[in-house]
Amino acid sequence: MKDKATSFDIAYQAGVSQSTVSRALRNSPLVNEATRTKIQAIAKELNYKVDKNASNLRTQQSDTIALLLFEDPTSDDSAINPFFLSMLGSITRACSNKGYDLLVSFQQASNDWHADFEDSNKADGLILLGYGDFVDFEEKLVQLTEQGTHFVRWGAEVEGLPMVTIGCDNFQGGKEITEHIIKQGRKNIAFLGSASTHAPEFFDRYKGHCAALKSHQLVVNPNLQFNALYTEEAGYKAACRLIESNEVFDAICAASDLIAIGAMRALKEHGKAIPDEVTVAGFDDIAVASFTFPPLTTVKQDTKIAGEMLVDSLLELISGKEISTALIKPELVIRKSCGE
């Protein structure tokens, strides 16, 4: 019976060291593309299979990334914000393409995230999606940084926190969607969403919203901003408060699609026609946004690119490279809720 091929056999045929073969088969960025392709082709020809357990013992690497989701209040049993579901698919594909496994779990209240994952060799690094109240979450991020944990997070860049963040340009997205609403002839635009450091993404969207109003010589009326966080119910309640306030408004700019969907329900219950009386816009472009009635105008955050950037950035961080925060360009998706 023919002995199984080893990494040394591949190294001999490729004319490289055994350690280079190991890196190439893990898709390590430390090996150039041409050499990786050559080594992988030889491995395939020899029908070589990686003994992952043995490899992990030698390298003390798990070849696994941990994706930690925040448990959001949802209308179903998933406890996952619908926006993050599409990003989950993108992250899974990106990990697979890099030869990494993905461990998916929820964030824990424990102060020992690092011990649960990286220090126990369950994962080589962490991707964090969601956070609840950022003021409370910030302490966890500082702790992870001080402990030297490899991690990247999706969200807004926050001053004073020296960590890598991949996110959407929320300010620009908030500005562009508000400008679009203004171009539809609307002048009294309400904003539904938090405008504080408790939700940095929403706060940046609100800042962009205000900048658009000012650039068109419109008054920023603080009485047209109503707090809401993450859910349809929050959007519904915020819109009800807006309606009951008797403030004059002809448009709603919501900090997320879920908030916008809740607001649309409140408007309909109060007999306000969309978009004739009130135009409505959201943010995220979750799957259901195109199936509301009328379909929801929104700001798309590209989850495919986001997932790839999160994985690529984390792997570069794990390999010792210097990486920096990056923002993805938002894209307007115009539908009938704004009169189009």
C-alpha atoms as a PDB file:
ATOM      1  CA  MET A   1       0.000   0.000   0.000  1.00  0.00           C
ATOM      2  CA  LYS A   2       1.377   3.412  -0.977  1.00  0.00           C
ATOM      3  CA  ASP A   3       2.250   5.687   1.926  1.00  0.00           C
ATOM      4  CA  LYS A   4       0.212   8.860   2.254  1.00  0.00           C
ATOM      5  CA  ALA A   5       1.874  12.012   0.939  1.00  0.00           C
ATOM      6  CA  THR A   6       3.315  14.356   3.557  1.00  0.00           C
ATOM      7  CA  SER A   7       3.992  18.069   3.595  1.00  0.00           C
ATOM      8  CA  PHE A   8       7.679  17.224   3.160  1.00  0.00           C
ATOM      9  CA  ASP A   9       6.858  15.493  -0.155  1.00  0.00           C
ATOM     10  CA  ILE A  10       5.102  18.657  -1.311  1.00  0.00           C
ATOM     11  CA  ALA A  11       8.011  20.818  -0.115  1.00  0.00           C
ATOM     12  CA  TYR A  12      10.479  18.658  -2.100  1.00  0.00           C
ATOM     13  CA  GLN A  13       8.479  18.926  -5.338  1.00  0.00           C
ATOM     14  CA  ALA A  14       7.841  22.651  -4.899  1.00  0.00           C
ATOM     15  CA  GLY A  15      11.404  23.458  -3.909  1.00  0.00           C
ATOM     16  CA  VAL A  16      10.392  25.241  -0.728  1.00  0.00           C
ATOM     17  CA  SER A  17      10.583  24.611   3.009  1.00  0.00           C
ATOM     18  CA  GLN A  18       8.031  22.519   4.891  1.00  0.00           C
ATOM     19  CA  SER A  19       6.972  25.583   6.904  1.00  0.00           C
ATOM     20  CA  THR A  20       6.208  27.410   3.635  1.00  0.00           C
ATOM     21  CA  VAL A  21       4.008  24.487   2.587  1.00  0.00           C
ATOM     22  CA  SER A  22       2.118  24.673   5.896  1.00  0.00           C
ATOM     23  CA  ARG A  23       1.522  28.403   5.488  1.00  0.00           C
ATOM     24  CA  ALA A  24       0.444  28.039   1.857  1.00  0.00           C
ATOM     25  CA  LEU A  25      -2.081  25.327   2.698  1.00  0.00           C
ATOM     26  CA  ARG A  26      -3.560  27.667   5.353  1.00  0.00           C
ATOM     27  CA  ASN A  27      -3.777  30.461   2.732  1.00  0.00           C
ATOM     28  CA  SER A  28      -1.417  32.546   4.826  1.00  0.00           C
ATOM     29  CA  PRO A  29      -0.779  36.041   3.394  1.00  0.00           C
ATOM     30  CA  LEU A  30       2.901  35.503   4.283  1.00  0.00           C
ATOM     31  CA  VAL A  31       3.245  33.327   1.155  1.00  0.00           C
ATOM     32  CA  ASN A  32       2.945  35.054  -2.210  1.00  0.00           C
ATOM     33  CA  GLU A  33       0.064  34.082  -4.476  1.00  0.00           C
ATOM     34  CA  ALA A  34       2.149  32.321  -7.142  1.00  0.00           C
ATOM     35  CA  THR A  35       3.871  30.090  -4.589  1.00  0.00           C
ATOM     36  CA  ARG A  36       0.576  29.336  -2.815  1.00  0.00           C
ATOM     37  CA  THR A  37      -1.041  28.321  -6.103  1.00  0.00           C
ATOM     38  CA  LYS A  38       1.890  26.067  -7.013  1.00  0.00           C
ATOM     39  CA  ILE A  39       1.949  24.346  -3.611  1.00  0.00           C
ATOM     40  CA  GLN A  40      -1.799  23.841  -3.542  1.00  0.00           C
ATOM     41  CA  ALA A  41      -1.727  22.329  -7.042  1.00  0.00           C
ATOM     42  CA  ILE A  42       0.981  19.839  -5.982  1.00  0.00           C
ATOM     43  CA  ALA A  43      -0.992  18.978  -2.836  1.00  0.00           C
ATOM     44  CA  LYS A  44      -4.058  18.260  -4.939  1.00  0.00           C
ATOM     45  CA  GLU A  45      -2.060  16.115  -7.359  1.00  0.00           C
ATOM     46  CA  LEU A  46      -0.656  14.065  -4.459  1.00  0.00           C
ATOM     47  CA  ASN A  47      -4.120  13.841  -2.866  1.00  0.00           C
ATOM     48  CA  TYR A  48      -2.654  15.374   0.286  1.00  0.00           C
ATOM     49  CA  LYS A  49      -5.007  15.920   3.240  1.00  0.00           C
ATOM     50  CA  VAL A  50      -4.155  18.277   6.105  1.00  0.00           C
ATOM     51  CA  ASP A  51      -4.147  16.621   9.533  1.00  0.00           C
ATOM     52  CA  LYS A  52      -5.766  19.598  11.189  1.00  0.00           C
ATOM     53  CA  ASN A  53      -5.391  18.350  14.767  1.00  0.00           C
ATOM     54  CA  ALA A  54      -1.673  17.711  14.345  1.00  0.00           C
ATOM     55  CA  SER A  55      -1.241  21.030  12.600  1.00  0.00           C
ATOM     56  CA  ASN A  56      -2.961  22.874  15.413  1.00  0.00           C
ATOM     57  CA  LEU A  57      -0.753  21.237  18.029  1.00  0.00           C
ATOM     58  CA  ARG A  58       2.366  22.328  16.158  1.00  0.00           C
ATOM     59  CA  THR A  59       1.286  25.904  15.484  1.00  0.00           C
ATOM     60  CA  GLN A  60      -0.903  26.532  18.541  1.00  0.00           C
ATOM     61  CA  GLN A  61      -3.409  27.971  16.098  1.00  0.00           C
ATOM     62  CA  SER A  62      -6.965  26.753  15.747  1.00  0.00           C
ATOM     63  CA  ASP A  63      -7.510  28.036  12.174  1.00  0.00           C
ATOM     64  CA  THR A  64     -10.865  29.165  13.539  1.00  0.00           C
ATOM     65  CA  ILE A  65     -12.425  32.603  13.855  1.00  0.00           C
ATOM     66  CA  ALA A  66     -15.089  33.284  16.470  1.00  0.00           C
ATOM     67  CA  LEU A  67     -18.031  35.458  15.451  1.00  0.00           C
ATOM     68  CA  LEU A  68     -19.744  36.854  18.540  1.00  0.00           C
ATOM     69  CA  LEU A  69     -23.218  38.292  18.033  1.00  0.00           C
ATOM     70  CA  PHE A  70     -25.160  40.481  20.426  1.00  0.00           C
ATOM     71  CA  GLU A  71     -28.532  39.087  21.466  1.00  0.00           C
ATOM     72  CA  ASP A  72     -30.973  41.661  20.105  1.00  0.00           C
ATOM     73  CA  PRO A  73     -34.658  41.840  20.989  1.00  0.00           C
ATOM     74  CA  THR A  74     -36.429  40.520  17.880  1.00  0.00           C
ATOM     75  CA  SER A  75     -39.972  39.678  16.839  1.00  0.00           C
ATOM     76  CA  ASP A  76     -38.941  36.037  16.311  1.00  0.00           C
ATOM     77  CA  ASP A  77     -36.802  33.562  18.273  1.00  0.00           C
ATOM     78  CA  SER A  78     -33.531  34.309  16.471  1.00  0.00           C
ATOM     79  CA  ALA A  79     -32.359  37.110  18.824  1.00  0.00           C
ATOM     80  CA  ILE A  80     -30.273  38.323  15.858  1.00  0.00           C
ATOM     81  CA  ASN A  81     -30.777  41.642  14.094  1.00  0.00           C
ATOM     82  CA  PRO A  82     -31.853  40.833  10.475  1.00  0.00           C
ATOM     83  CA  PHE A  83     -29.070  43.058   9.151  1.00  0.00           C
ATOM     84  CA  PHE A  84     -26.483  40.791  10.775  1.00  0.00           C
ATOM     85  CA  LEU A  85     -28.005  37.645   9.276  1.00  0.00           C
ATOM     86  CA  SER A  86     -26.904  38.646   5.778  1.00  0.00           C
ATOM     87  CA  MET A  87     -23.481  39.613   7.105  1.00  0.00           C
ATOM     88  CA  LEU A  88     -23.234  36.199   8.773  1.00  0.00           C
ATOM     89  CA  GLY A  89     -23.477  34.569   5.356  1.00  0.00           C
ATOM     90  CA  SER A  90     -20.792  36.830   3.935  1.00  0.00           C
ATOM     91  CA  ILE A  91     -18.427  36.195   6.853  1.00  0.00           C
ATOM     92  CA  THR A  92     -18.966  32.437   6.568  1.00  0.00           C
ATOM     93  CA  ARG A  93     -18.057  32.474   2.863  1.00  0.00           C
ATOM     94  CA  ALA A  94     -15.016  34.689   3.457  1.00  0.00           C
ATOM     95  CA  CYS A  95     -13.731  32.343   6.178  1.00  0.00           C
ATOM     96  CA  SER A  96     -14.243  29.322   3.947  1.00  0.00           C
ATOM     97  CA  ASN A  97     -12.327  30.995   1.122  1.00  0.00           C
ATOM     98  CA  LYS A  98      -9.410  31.589   3.510  1.00  0.00           C
ATOM     99  CA  GLY A  99      -9.408  28.033   4.843  1.00  0.00           C
ATOM    100  CA  TYR A 100     -10.762  29.007   8.267  1.00  0.00           C
ATOM    101  CA  ASP A 101     -13.616  27.532  10.273  1.00  0.00           C
ATOM    102  CA  LEU A 102     -16.173  29.882  11.811  1.00  0.00           C
ATOM    103  CA  LEU A 103     -17.393  29.493  15.378  1.00  0.00           C
ATOM    104  CA  VAL A 104     -20.630  31.434  15.924  1.00  0.00           C
ATOM    105  CA  SER A 105     -21.780  32.325  19.410  1.00  0.00           C
ATOM    106  CA  PHE A 106     -23.461  35.076  21.390  1.00  0.00           C
ATOM    107  CA  GLN A 107     -21.511  37.631  23.405  1.00  0.00           C
ATOM    108  CA  GLN A 108     -21.454  36.781  27.087  1.00  0.00           C
ATOM    109  CA  ALA A 109     -21.810  39.004  30.123  1.00  0.00           C
ATOM    110  CA  SER A 110     -18.609  37.420  31.456  1.00  0.00           C
ATOM    111  CA  ASN A 111     -15.492  39.563  31.771  1.00  0.00           C
ATOM    112  CA  ASP A 112     -13.425  36.723  30.300  1.00  0.00           C
ATOM    113  CA  TRP A 113     -14.289  36.659  26.603  1.00  0.00           C
ATOM    114  CA  HIS A 114     -10.622  36.164  25.781  1.00  0.00           C
ATOM    115  CA  ALA A 115     -10.347  33.111  28.053  1.00  0.00           C
ATOM    116  CA  ASP A 116     -13.446  31.617  26.438  1.00  0.00           C
ATOM    117  CA  PHE A 117     -12.011  31.891  22.938  1.00  0.00           C
ATOM    118  CA  GLU A 118      -8.509  33.014  21.993  1.00  0.00           C
ATOM    119  CA  ASP A 119      -6.611  32.143  25.180  1.00  0.00           C
ATOM    120  CA  SER A 120      -8.217  28.688  25.299  1.00  0.00           C
ATOM    121  CA  ASN A 121      -7.218  28.155  21.630  1.00  0.00           C
ATOM    122  CA  LYS A 122     -10.846  27.860  20.496  1.00  0.00           C
ATOM    123  CA  ALA A 123     -10.265  30.703  18.044  1.00  0.00           C
ATOM    124  CA  ASP A 124      -7.373  32.754  16.713  1.00  0.00           C
ATOM    125  CA  GLY A 125      -9.395  35.975  16.835  1.00  0.00           C
ATOM    126  CA  LEU A 126     -12.835  37.494  17.269  1.00  0.00           C
ATOM    127  CA  ILE A 127     -15.319  39.399  15.099  1.00  0.00           C
ATOM    128  CA  LEU A 128     -17.878  41.370  17.113  1.00  0.00           C
ATOM    129  CA  LEU A 129     -21.312  42.232  15.684  1.00  0.00           C
ATOM    130  CA  GLY A 130     -23.723  44.372  17.694  1.00  0.00           C
ATOM    131  CA  TYR A 131     -23.445  45.674  21.217  1.00  0.00           C
ATOM    132  CA  GLY A 132     -26.682  46.957  22.795  1.00  0.00           C
ATOM    133  CA  ASP A 133     -25.767  50.077  24.799  1.00  0.00           C
ATOM    134  CA  PHE A 134     -22.336  51.185  23.594  1.00  0.00           C
ATOM    135  CA  VAL A 135     -21.518  53.012  26.847  1.00  0.00           C
ATOM    136  CA  ASP A 136     -21.618  49.659  28.659  1.00  0.00           C
ATOM    137  CA  PHE A 137     -19.993  47.756  25.777  1.00  0.00           C
ATOM    138  CA  GLU A 138     -17.008  50.116  25.622  1.00  0.00           C
ATOM    139  CA  GLU A 139     -15.533  48.632  28.822  1.00  0.00           C
ATOM    140  CA  LYS A 140     -15.422  45.201  27.181  1.00  0.00           C
ATOM    141  CA  LEU A 141     -13.594  46.581  24.156  1.00  0.00           C
ATOM    142  CA  VAL A 142     -10.996  48.286  26.331  1.00  0.00           C
ATOM    143  CA  GLN A 143     -10.470  45.058  28.260  1.00  0.00           C
ATOM    144  CA  LEU A 144     -10.024  43.013  25.087  1.00  0.00           C
ATOM    145  CA  THR A 145      -7.471  45.545  23.828  1.00  0.00           C
ATOM    146  CA  GLU A 146      -5.502  45.516  27.077  1.00  0.00           C
ATOM    147  CA  GLN A 147      -5.425  41.707  27.068  1.00  0.00           C
ATOM    148  CA  GLY A 148      -3.968  41.663  23.553  1.00  0.00           C
ATOM    149  CA  THR A 149      -6.893  39.788  22.037  1.00  0.00           C
ATOM    150  CA  HIS A 150      -7.016  39.816  18.233  1.00  0.00           C
ATOM    151  CA  PHE A 151     -10.405  41.267  17.322  1.00  0.00           C
ATOM    152  CA  VAL A 152     -12.208  43.546  14.893  1.00  0.00           C
ATOM    153  CA  ARG A 153     -15.691  44.985  15.257  1.00  0.00           C
ATOM    154  CA  TRP A 154     -18.443  46.195  12.952  1.00  0.00           C
ATOM    155  CA  GLY A 155     -19.658  49.662  13.787  1.00  0.00           C
ATOM    156  CA  ALA A 156     -18.864  53.340  13.959  1.00  0.00           C
ATOM    157  CA  GLU A 157     -15.369  54.640  14.623  1.00  0.00           C
ATOM    158  CA  VAL A 158     -15.258  56.066  18.143  1.00  0.00           C
ATOM    159  CA  GLU A 159     -12.679  58.643  19.171  1.00  0.00           C
ATOM    160  CA  GLY A 160     -10.317  57.568  21.920  1.00  0.00           C
ATOM    161  CA  LEU A 161     -10.691  53.839  21.275  1.00  0.00           C
ATOM    162  CA  PRO A 162      -7.503  52.487  19.611  1.00  0.00           C
ATOM    163  CA  MET A 163      -9.032  49.436  17.939  1.00  0.00           C
ATOM    164  CA  VAL A 164      -9.856  48.341  14.421  1.00  0.00           C
ATOM    165  CA  THR A 165     -13.398  49.007  13.265  1.00  0.00           C
ATOM    166  CA  ILE A 166     -14.981  48.190   9.911  1.00  0.00           C
ATOM    167  CA  GLY A 167     -18.190  50.076   9.277  1.00  0.00           C
ATOM    168  CA  CYS A 168     -20.378  52.103   6.977  1.00  0.00           C
ATOM    169  CA  ASP A 169     -19.897  55.839   6.517  1.00  0.00           C
ATOM    170  CA  ASN A 170     -22.967  56.543   8.616  1.00  0.00           C
ATOM    171  CA  PHE A 171     -22.587  60.310   8.503  1.00  0.00           C
ATOM    172  CA  GLN A 172     -22.529  60.328   4.712  1.00  0.00           C
ATOM    173  CA  GLY A 173     -25.439  57.899   4.538  1.00  0.00           C
ATOM    174  CA  GLY A 174     -27.536  60.041   6.872  1.00  0.00           C
ATOM    175  CA  LYS A 175     -26.673  63.133   4.868  1.00  0.00           C
ATOM    176  CA  GLU A 176     -27.469  61.603   1.464  1.00  0.00           C
ATOM    177  CA  ILE A 177     -30.823  60.105   2.457  1.00  0.00           C
ATOM    178  CA  THR A 178     -31.933  63.395   4.021  1.00  0.00           C
ATOM    179  CA  GLU A 179     -30.858  65.317   0.921  1.00  0.00           C
ATOM    180  CA  HIS A 180     -32.929  62.932  -1.194  1.00  0.00           C
ATOM    181  CA  ILE A 181     -35.981  63.581   1.006  1.00  0.00           C
ATOM    182  CA  ILE A 182     -35.444  67.330   0.746  1.00  0.00           C
ATOM    183  CA  LYS A 183     -35.327  67.047  -3.046  1.00  0.00           C
ATOM    184  CA  GLN A 184     -38.816  65.547  -2.883  1.00  0.00           C
ATOM    185  CA  GLY A 185     -39.987  68.920  -1.535  1.00  0.00           C
ATOM    186  CA  ARG A 186     -40.142  67.952   2.151  1.00  0.00           C
ATOM    187  CA  LYS A 187     -39.048  70.515   4.715  1.00  0.00           C
ATOM    188  CA  ASN A 188     -40.184  69.240   8.120  1.00  0.00           C
ATOM    189  CA  ILE A 189     -38.284  65.983   8.493  1.00  0.00           C
ATOM    190  CA  ALA A 190     -38.426  63.981  11.711  1.00  0.00           C
ATOM    191  CA  PHE A 191     -35.561  61.699  12.769  1.00  0.00           C
ATOM    192  CA  LEU A 192     -36.374  58.500  14.656  1.00  0.00           C
ATOM    193  CA  GLY A 193     -33.331  57.033  16.366  1.00  0.00           C
ATOM    194  CA  SER A 194     -30.932  57.633  19.212  1.00  0.00           C
ATOM    195  CA  ALA A 195     -28.826  60.782  18.973  1.00  0.00           C
ATOM    196  CA  SER A 196     -26.271  60.015  21.669  1.00  0.00           C
ATOM    197  CA  THR A 197     -23.085  58.060  22.366  1.00  0.00           C
ATOM    198  CA  HIS A 198     -25.219  55.113  23.514  1.00  0.00           C
ATOM    199  CA  ALA A 199     -25.633  54.264  19.792  1.00  0.00           C
ATOM    200  CA  PRO A 200     -22.704  55.749  17.801  1.00  0.00           C
ATOM    201  CA  GLU A 201     -23.954  54.542  14.375  1.00  0.00           C
ATOM    202  CA  PHE A 202     -27.352  56.169  14.866  1.00  0.00           C
ATOM    203  CA  PHE A 203     -25.693  59.303  16.250  1.00  0.00           C
ATOM    204  CA  ASP A 204     -23.516  59.622  13.132  1.00  0.00           C
ATOM    205  CA  ARG A 205     -26.599  59.200  10.932  1.00  0.00           C
ATOM    206  CA  TYR A 206     -28.343  61.935  12.887  1.00  0.00           C
ATOM    207  CA  LYS A 207     -25.324  64.226  12.489  1.00  0.00           C
ATOM    208  CA  GLY A 208     -25.408  63.640   8.727  1.00  0.00           C
ATOM    209  CA  HIS A 209     -29.157  64.318   8.765  1.00  0.00           C
ATOM    210  CA  CYS A 210     -28.612  67.652  10.524  1.00  0.00           C
ATOM    211  CA  ALA A 211     -25.784  68.596   8.154  1.00  0.00           C
ATOM    212  CA  ALA A 212     -28.094  68.062   5.160  1.00  0.00           C
ATOM    213  CA  LEU A 213     -30.795  70.240   6.716  1.00  0.00           C
ATOM    214  CA  LYS A 214     -28.323  73.040   7.406  1.00  0.00           C
ATOM    215  CA  SER A 215     -26.809  72.880   3.933  1.00  0.00           C
ATOM    216  CA  HIS A 216     -30.291  73.476   2.497  1.00  0.00           C
ATOM    217  CA  GLN A 217     -31.011  76.334   4.920  1.00  0.00           C
ATOM    218  CA  LEU A 218     -33.607  74.306   6.813  1.00  0.00           C
ATOM    219  CA  VAL A 219     -34.059  74.542  10.576  1.00  0.00           C
ATOM    220  CA  VAL A 220     -32.859  71.655  12.739  1.00  0.00           C
ATOM    221  CA  ASN A 221     -35.820  71.237  15.061  1.00  0.00           C
ATOM    222  CA  PRO A 222     -34.808  69.170  18.138  1.00  0.00           C
ATOM    223  CA  ASN A 223     -38.490  68.496  18.775  1.00  0.00           C
ATOM    224  CA  LEU A 224     -38.530  66.353  15.630  1.00  0.00           C
ATOM    225  CA  GLN A 225     -35.936  63.902  16.965  1.00  0.00           C
ATOM    226  CA  PHE A 226     -37.361  60.932  18.881  1.00  0.00           C
ATOM    227  CA  ASN A 227     -35.230  58.223  20.456  1.00  0.00           C
ATOM    228  CA  ALA A 228     -35.623  54.664  19.193  1.00  0.00           C
ATOM    229  CA  LEU A 229     -33.289  51.679  19.287  1.00  0.00           C
ATOM    230  CA  TYR A 230     -33.136  48.781  16.839  1.00  0.00           C
ATOM    231  CA  THR A 231     -36.658  47.273  16.772  1.00  0.00           C
ATOM    232  CA  GLU A 232     -39.954  47.672  14.931  1.00  0.00           C
ATOM    233  CA  GLU A 233     -41.693  48.232  18.264  1.00  0.00           C
ATOM    234  CA  ALA A 234     -39.295  51.061  19.121  1.00  0.00           C
ATOM    235  CA  GLY A 235     -39.996  52.667  15.736  1.00  0.00           C
ATOM    236  CA  TYR A 236     -43.744  52.273  16.228  1.00  0.00           C
ATOM    237  CA  LYS A 237     -43.654  53.898  19.672  1.00  0.00           C
ATOM    238  CA  ALA A 238     -41.378  56.731  18.512  1.00  0.00           C
ATOM    239  CA  ALA A 239     -43.685  57.479  15.568  1.00  0.00           C
ATOM    240  CA  CYS A 240     -46.709  57.492  17.885  1.00  0.00           C
ATOM    241  CA  ARG A 241     -44.966  60.016  20.127  1.00  0.00           C
ATOM    242  CA  LEU A 242     -44.143  62.107  17.067  1.00  0.00           C
ATOM    243  CA  ILE A 243     -47.768  62.100  15.903  1.00  0.00           C
ATOM    244  CA  GLU A 244     -49.080  62.877  19.380  1.00  0.00           C
ATOM    245  CA  SER A 245     -46.603  65.763  19.800  1.00  0.00           C
ATOM    246  CA  ASN A 246     -48.557  67.802  17.220  1.00  0.00           C
ATOM    247  CA  GLU A 247     -45.274  68.891  15.637  1.00  0.00           C
ATOM    248  CA  VAL A 248     -45.640  69.592  11.922  1.00  0.00           C
ATOM    249  CA  PHE A 249     -43.814  66.942   9.856  1.00  0.00           C
ATOM    250  CA  ASP A 250     -44.017  65.698   6.285  1.00  0.00           C
ATOM    251  CA  ALA A 251     -41.216  63.087   6.316  1.00  0.00           C
ATOM    252  CA  ILE A 252     -39.538  60.567   8.594  1.00  0.00           C
ATOM    253  CA  CYS A 253     -35.883  59.649   8.382  1.00  0.00           C
ATOM    254  CA  ALA A 254     -35.395  56.508  10.493  1.00  0.00           C
ATOM    255  CA  ALA A 255     -32.026  55.355  11.825  1.00  0.00           C
ATOM    256  CA  SER A 256     -32.717  51.770  10.681  1.00  0.00           C
ATOM    257  CA  ASP A 257     -35.123  49.843   8.469  1.00  0.00           C
ATOM    258  CA  LEU A 258     -36.712  48.134  11.470  1.00  0.00           C
ATOM    259  CA  ILE A 259     -37.466  51.510  13.052  1.00  0.00           C
ATOM    260  CA  ALA A 260     -38.863  52.728   9.716  1.00  0.00           C
ATOM    261  CA  ILE A 261     -41.116  49.662   9.383  1.00  0.00           C
ATOM    262  CA  GLY A 262     -42.518  50.258  12.865  1.00  0.00           C
ATOM    263  CA  ALA A 263     -43.077  53.926  12.021  1.00  0.00           C
ATOM    264  CA  MET A 264     -44.954  52.999   8.838  1.00  0.00           C
ATOM    265  CA  ARG A 265     -47.380  50.922  10.876  1.00  0.00           C
ATOM    266  CA  ALA A 266     -48.005  53.836  13.252  1.00  0.00           C
ATOM    267  CA  LEU A 267     -48.597  56.246  10.361  1.00  0.00           C
ATOM    268  CA  LYS A 268     -51.127  53.889   8.754  1.00  0.00           C
ATOM    269  CA  GLU A 269     -52.978  53.385  12.050  1.00  0.00           C
ATOM    270  CA  HIS A 270     -53.265  57.160  12.394  1.00  0.00           C
ATOM    271  CA  GLY A 271     -54.584  57.546   8.867  1.00  0.00           C
ATOM    272  CA  LYS A 272     -51.502  59.208   7.376  1.00  0.00           C
ATOM    273  CA  ALA A 273     -50.851  58.157   3.760  1.00  0.00           C
ATOM    274  CA  ILE A 274     -47.359  57.101   2.683  1.00  0.00           C
ATOM    275  CA  PRO A 275     -45.834  58.786   0.701  1.00  0.00           C
ATOM    276  CA  ASP A 276     -48.506  61.394  -0.123  1.00  0.00           C
ATOM    277  CA  GLU A 277     -48.691  62.893   3.367  1.00  0.00           C
ATOM    278  CA  VAL A 278     -45.480  61.556   4.891  1.00  0.00           C
ATOM    279  CA  THR A 279     -42.462  60.079   3.142  1.00  0.00           C
ATOM    280  CA  VAL A 280     -40.442  57.475   5.027  1.00  0.00           C
ATOM    281  CA  ALA A 281     -36.822  56.326   4.675  1.00  0.00           C
ATOM    282  CA  GLY A 282     -34.759  53.776   6.583  1.00  0.00           C
ATOM    283  CA  PHE A 283     -31.162  52.616   6.779  1.00  0.00           C
ATOM    284  CA  ASP A 284     -29.578  49.137   6.183  1.00  0.00           C
ATOM    285  CA  ASP A 285     -31.580  47.674   3.242  1.00  0.00           C
ATOM    286  CA  ILE A 286     -32.542  44.479   5.047  1.00  0.00           C
ATOM    287  CA  ALA A 287     -34.332  41.859   2.939  1.00  0.00           C
ATOM    288  CA  VAL A 288     -37.861  42.824   4.019  1.00  0.00           C
ATOM    289  CA  ALA A 289     -37.371  46.503   3.051  1.00  0.00           C
ATOM    290  CA  SER A 290     -38.387  45.839  -0.553  1.00  0.00           C
ATOM    291  CA  PHE A 291     -41.557  44.018   0.565  1.00  0.00           C
ATOM    292  CA  THR A 292     -43.120  46.684   2.799  1.00  0.00           C
ATOM    293  CA  PHE A 293     -46.111  48.599   1.460  1.00  0.00           C
ATOM    294  CA  PRO A 294     -45.049  50.831  -0.070  1.00  0.00           C
ATOM    295  CA  PRO A 295     -41.508  49.493  -0.567  1.00  0.00           C
ATOM    296  CA  LEU A 296     -39.033  51.279   1.692  1.00  0.00           C
ATOM    297  CA  THR A 297     -36.453  53.790   0.480  1.00  0.00           C
ATOM    298  CA  THR A 298     -33.266  53.142   2.428  1.00  0.00           C
ATOM    299  CA  VAL A 299     -29.471  53.308   2.621  1.00  0.00           C
ATOM    300  CA  LYS A 300     -27.712  50.089   1.690  1.00  0.00           C
ATOM    301  CA  GLN A 301     -24.742  48.851   3.683  1.00  0.00           C
ATOM    302  CA  ASP A 302     -22.923  46.316   1.514  1.00  0.00           C
ATOM    303  CA  THR A 303     -22.824  43.215   3.715  1.00  0.00           C
ATOM    304  CA  LYS A 304     -20.813  41.181   1.188  1.00  0.00           C
ATOM    305  CA  ILE A 305     -17.955  43.673   1.199  1.00  0.00           C
ATOM    306  CA  ALA A 306     -18.353  44.155   4.952  1.00  0.00           C
ATOM    307  CA  GLY A 307     -17.951  40.445   5.704  1.00  0.00           C
ATOM    308  CA  GLU A 308     -14.903  40.146   3.476  1.00  0.00           C
ATOM    309  CA  MET A 309     -13.259  43.202   5.033  1.00  0.00           C
ATOM    310  CA  LEU A 310     -13.898  41.990   8.575  1.00  0.00           C
ATOM    311  CA  VAL A 311     -12.319  38.601   7.872  1.00  0.00           C
ATOM    312  CA  ASP A 312      -9.386  39.994   5.861  1.00  0.00           C
ATOM    313  CA  SER A 313      -8.629  42.628   8.511  1.00  0.00           C
ATOM    314  CA  LEU A 314      -8.725  40.100  11.348  1.00  0.00           C
ATOM    315  CA  LEU A 315      -6.432  37.652   9.542  1.00  0.00           C
ATOM    316  CA  GLU A 316      -3.947  40.429   8.834  1.00  0.00           C
ATOM    317  CA  LEU A 317      -4.076  41.410  12.512  1.00  0.00           C
ATOM    318  CA  ILE A 318      -3.474  37.786  13.546  1.00  0.00           C
ATOM    319  CA  SER A 319      -0.473  37.583  11.193  1.00  0.00           C
ATOM    320  CA  GLY A 320       1.067  40.654  12.843  1.00  0.00           C
ATOM    321  CA  LYS A 321       0.324  43.262  10.216  1.00  0.00           C
ATOM    322  CA  GLU A 322      -0.665  46.839  10.966  1.00  0.00           C
ATOM    323  CA  ILE A 323      -4.275  47.473   9.992  1.00  0.00           C
ATOM    324  CA  SER A 324      -6.562  50.456  10.324  1.00  0.00           C
ATOM    325  CA  THR A 325     -10.236  51.340  10.557  1.00  0.00           C
ATOM    326  CA  ALA A 326     -12.093  51.431   7.226  1.00  0.00           C
ATOM    327  CA  LEU A 327     -15.474  52.820   6.165  1.00  0.00           C
ATOM    328  CA  ILE A 328     -17.653  51.412   3.395  1.00  0.00           C
ATOM    329  CA  LYS A 329     -19.431  53.829   1.066  1.00  0.00           C
ATOM    330  CA  PRO A 330     -23.225  53.862   1.578  1.00  0.00           C
ATOM    331  CA  GLU A 331     -25.614  53.502  -1.354  1.00  0.00           C
ATOM    332  CA  LEU A 332     -29.096  54.979  -1.673  1.00  0.00           C
ATOM    333  CA  VAL A 333     -31.845  52.545  -2.643  1.00  0.00           C
ATOM    334  CA  ILE A 334     -34.830  54.551  -3.877  1.00  0.00           C
ATOM    335  CA  ARG A 335     -38.273  52.992  -3.557  1.00  0.00           C
ATOM    336  CA  LYS A 336     -41.873  54.191  -3.368  1.00  0.00           C
ATOM    337  CA  SER A 337     -41.998  55.190   0.309  1.00  0.00           C
ATOM    338  CA  CYS A 338     -40.335  58.433  -0.751  1.00  0.00           C
ATOM    339  CA  GLY A 339     -42.635  58.999  -3.721  1.00  0.00           C
ATOM    340  CA  GLU A 340     -40.469  57.463  -6.407  1.00  0.00           C
END
